[in-house]
Protein backbone atom coordinates (compact mmCIF):
# COMPACT_ATOMS: atom_id res chain seq x y z
CA UNK A 1 25.68 42.15 -15.89
CA UNK A 2 22.27 40.57 -15.30
CA UNK A 3 19.33 42.90 -14.90
CA UNK A 4 17.13 41.02 -12.39
CA UNK A 5 14.13 43.27 -13.05
CA UNK A 6 14.25 42.29 -16.72
CA UNK A 7 14.52 38.57 -15.84
CA UNK A 8 11.51 38.86 -13.50
CA UNK A 9 9.52 40.77 -16.14
CA UNK A 10 10.26 38.10 -18.78
CA UNK A 11 9.29 35.30 -16.44
CA UNK A 12 6.02 37.08 -15.57
CA UNK A 13 5.24 37.57 -19.27
CA UNK A 14 5.92 33.92 -20.03
CA UNK A 15 3.73 32.81 -17.11
CA UNK A 16 0.90 35.05 -18.25
CA UNK A 17 1.13 33.69 -21.82
CA UNK A 18 1.02 30.12 -20.54
CA UNK A 19 -2.10 30.87 -18.50
CA UNK A 20 -3.80 32.52 -21.47
CA UNK A 21 -2.86 29.65 -23.72
CA UNK A 22 -4.13 27.08 -21.23
CA UNK A 23 -7.43 28.95 -20.80
CA UNK A 24 -8.02 29.34 -24.51
CA UNK A 25 -7.53 25.65 -25.20
CA UNK A 26 -9.34 24.32 -22.14
CA UNK A 27 -12.55 23.17 -23.81
CA UNK A 28 -11.75 19.55 -22.86
CA UNK A 29 -10.64 20.35 -19.31
CA UNK A 30 -13.02 19.05 -16.64
CA UNK A 31 -13.85 21.57 -13.96
CA UNK A 32 -13.04 20.00 -10.63
CA UNK A 33 -13.67 20.90 -7.02
CA UNK A 34 -12.26 19.93 -3.66
CA UNK A 35 -14.66 19.11 -0.87
CA UNK A 36 -14.32 18.30 2.81
CA UNK A 37 -16.01 14.91 3.05
CA UNK A 38 -19.39 15.19 4.81
CA UNK A 39 -22.55 13.09 5.19
CA UNK A 40 -24.59 13.26 2.02
CA UNK A 41 -21.55 13.41 -0.31
CA UNK A 42 -21.38 10.87 -3.15
CA UNK A 43 -18.58 9.06 -1.30
CA UNK A 44 -17.68 8.42 2.30
CA UNK A 45 -14.04 8.02 3.39
CA UNK A 46 -12.99 6.02 6.42
CA UNK A 47 -9.73 4.61 7.76
CA UNK A 48 -9.39 1.16 9.31
CA UNK A 49 -6.67 -0.98 10.89
CA UNK A 50 -3.93 1.51 11.63
CA UNK A 51 -1.61 1.26 14.60
CA UNK A 52 1.58 3.25 14.78
CA UNK A 53 4.07 1.70 17.14
CA UNK A 54 5.63 3.79 19.92
CA UNK A 55 9.10 2.59 18.82
CA UNK A 56 9.04 5.18 16.04
CA UNK A 57 9.17 7.89 18.70
CA UNK A 58 12.22 6.21 20.24
CA UNK A 59 14.39 6.62 17.20
CA UNK A 60 13.63 3.79 14.77
CA UNK A 61 11.64 4.02 11.54
CA UNK A 62 8.48 2.02 11.75
CA UNK A 63 6.53 0.85 8.70
CA UNK A 64 2.81 0.75 9.19
CA UNK A 65 -0.24 0.16 7.07
CA UNK A 66 -3.75 1.36 7.01
CA UNK A 67 -6.83 0.67 4.96
CA UNK A 68 -8.65 3.60 3.35
CA UNK A 69 -12.23 2.61 2.61
CA UNK A 70 -14.24 4.53 -0.03
CA UNK A 71 -17.99 3.90 0.17
CA UNK A 72 -20.21 4.90 -2.72
CA UNK A 73 -23.34 6.66 -1.37
CA UNK A 74 -24.57 7.79 -4.79
CA UNK A 75 -26.88 6.21 -7.34
CA UNK A 76 -24.12 6.07 -9.96
CA UNK A 77 -20.79 4.27 -10.25
CA UNK A 78 -17.82 6.32 -9.01
CA UNK A 79 -14.28 5.73 -10.16
CA UNK A 80 -11.34 6.45 -7.83
CA UNK A 81 -8.35 7.71 -9.82
CA UNK A 82 -5.98 8.91 -7.09
CA UNK A 83 -5.41 8.47 -3.42
CA UNK A 84 -3.18 10.68 -1.26
CA UNK A 85 -2.48 10.25 2.41
CA UNK A 86 -0.24 12.73 4.20
CA UNK A 87 0.47 14.10 7.61
CA UNK A 88 -1.61 17.13 8.50
CA UNK A 89 0.15 18.33 11.64
CA UNK A 90 3.57 18.62 13.21
CA UNK A 91 4.10 16.06 15.95
CA UNK A 92 6.56 13.69 17.47
CA UNK A 93 6.56 11.63 14.24
CA UNK A 94 7.08 12.44 10.58
CA UNK A 95 5.14 10.32 8.11
CA UNK A 96 6.20 9.89 4.50
CA UNK A 97 3.27 10.80 2.20
CA UNK A 98 1.46 8.19 0.11
CA UNK A 99 0.39 9.05 -3.43
CA UNK A 100 -0.91 6.48 -5.93
CA UNK A 101 -3.03 6.39 -9.04
CA UNK A 102 -5.88 3.94 -9.46
CA UNK A 103 -8.70 3.07 -11.83
CA UNK A 104 -11.16 1.45 -9.44
CA UNK A 105 -14.88 1.67 -10.00
CA UNK A 106 -17.14 1.41 -6.95
CA UNK A 107 -20.77 0.53 -7.62
CA UNK A 108 -23.65 2.25 -5.77
CA UNK A 109 -24.05 1.10 -2.14
CA UNK A 110 -20.71 -0.71 -2.30
CA UNK A 111 -17.29 0.07 -0.88
CA UNK A 112 -13.65 -0.59 -1.80
CA UNK A 113 -10.69 -0.75 0.52
CA UNK A 114 -7.25 0.53 -0.51
CA UNK A 115 -4.23 -0.82 1.38
CA UNK A 116 -1.75 1.96 2.11
CA UNK A 117 1.84 1.33 3.31
CA UNK A 118 3.59 4.18 5.10
CA UNK A 119 6.63 4.84 7.26
CA UNK A 120 6.77 6.84 10.50
CA UNK A 121 10.06 8.22 11.76
CA UNK A 122 10.92 10.40 14.74
CA UNK A 123 10.68 14.11 14.19
CA UNK A 124 13.53 16.43 15.04
CA UNK A 125 13.64 17.64 18.59
CA UNK A 126 12.64 21.10 17.44
CA UNK A 127 9.53 19.78 15.66
CA UNK A 128 8.60 17.59 18.61
CA UNK A 129 8.91 20.61 20.91
CA UNK A 130 6.08 22.35 19.05
CA UNK A 131 3.81 19.31 18.91
CA UNK A 132 0.98 18.57 21.26
CA UNK A 133 1.66 16.10 24.01
CA UNK A 134 -1.10 13.63 23.02
CA UNK A 135 -0.15 10.41 21.31
CA UNK A 136 -2.16 11.06 18.17
CA UNK A 137 -1.14 11.79 14.64
CA UNK A 138 -3.33 13.71 12.17
CA UNK A 139 -3.49 12.19 8.68
CA UNK A 140 -5.33 13.76 5.78
CA UNK A 141 -6.78 11.49 3.10
CA UNK A 142 -7.64 12.89 -0.31
CA UNK A 143 -9.63 10.77 -2.79
CA UNK A 144 -9.82 11.96 -6.40
CA UNK A 145 -12.61 10.71 -8.63
CA UNK A 146 -12.66 10.41 -12.42
CA UNK A 147 -14.81 13.58 -12.53
CA UNK A 148 -11.81 15.45 -11.14
CA UNK A 149 -13.59 16.12 -7.84
CA UNK A 150 -11.51 15.60 -4.73
CA UNK A 151 -12.82 14.65 -1.30
CA UNK A 152 -10.72 15.23 1.84
CA UNK A 153 -11.04 13.89 5.32
CA UNK A 154 -8.75 14.25 8.33
CA UNK A 155 -8.29 11.42 10.80
CA UNK A 156 -6.62 11.54 14.23
CA UNK A 157 -4.71 8.27 14.49
CA UNK A 158 -3.88 7.07 17.99
CA UNK A 159 -0.36 5.73 18.59
CA UNK A 160 0.11 2.79 20.88
CA UNK A 161 1.82 3.95 24.09
CA UNK A 162 3.98 0.81 24.36
């Protein structure tokens, strides 16, 4: 017979040992932070050219694209290593998340656009019931730099009514 308390105790011990081992050998780990993107940050995130078609709410999957623009506001080069775009609210549509690695350096006072392809599909009736009635979709964009720092920004994307 399996003693579940013993199994849980063993797993907790193993987890604690892994944490201690990771901390003791972390001299090369870069400390990173996550920031909500604000004016004055080293980068500025914006979204351009997105239009989600109303047909996705009527039952058919709709591919759509958007362009995430990263502007370098600092005096140094910044290197974008990862870009994540995901839905940040429940609504009439479900959007598949986007996650990709990059190695793109953006020079000071320059910007770089990343083309993102996504798919919107209708949410279940139960999910749509709890959504707001406006035709907007909240997307969160997370940009990770080579320093390990992550910058987040939420965008309310309007959906075309017809």
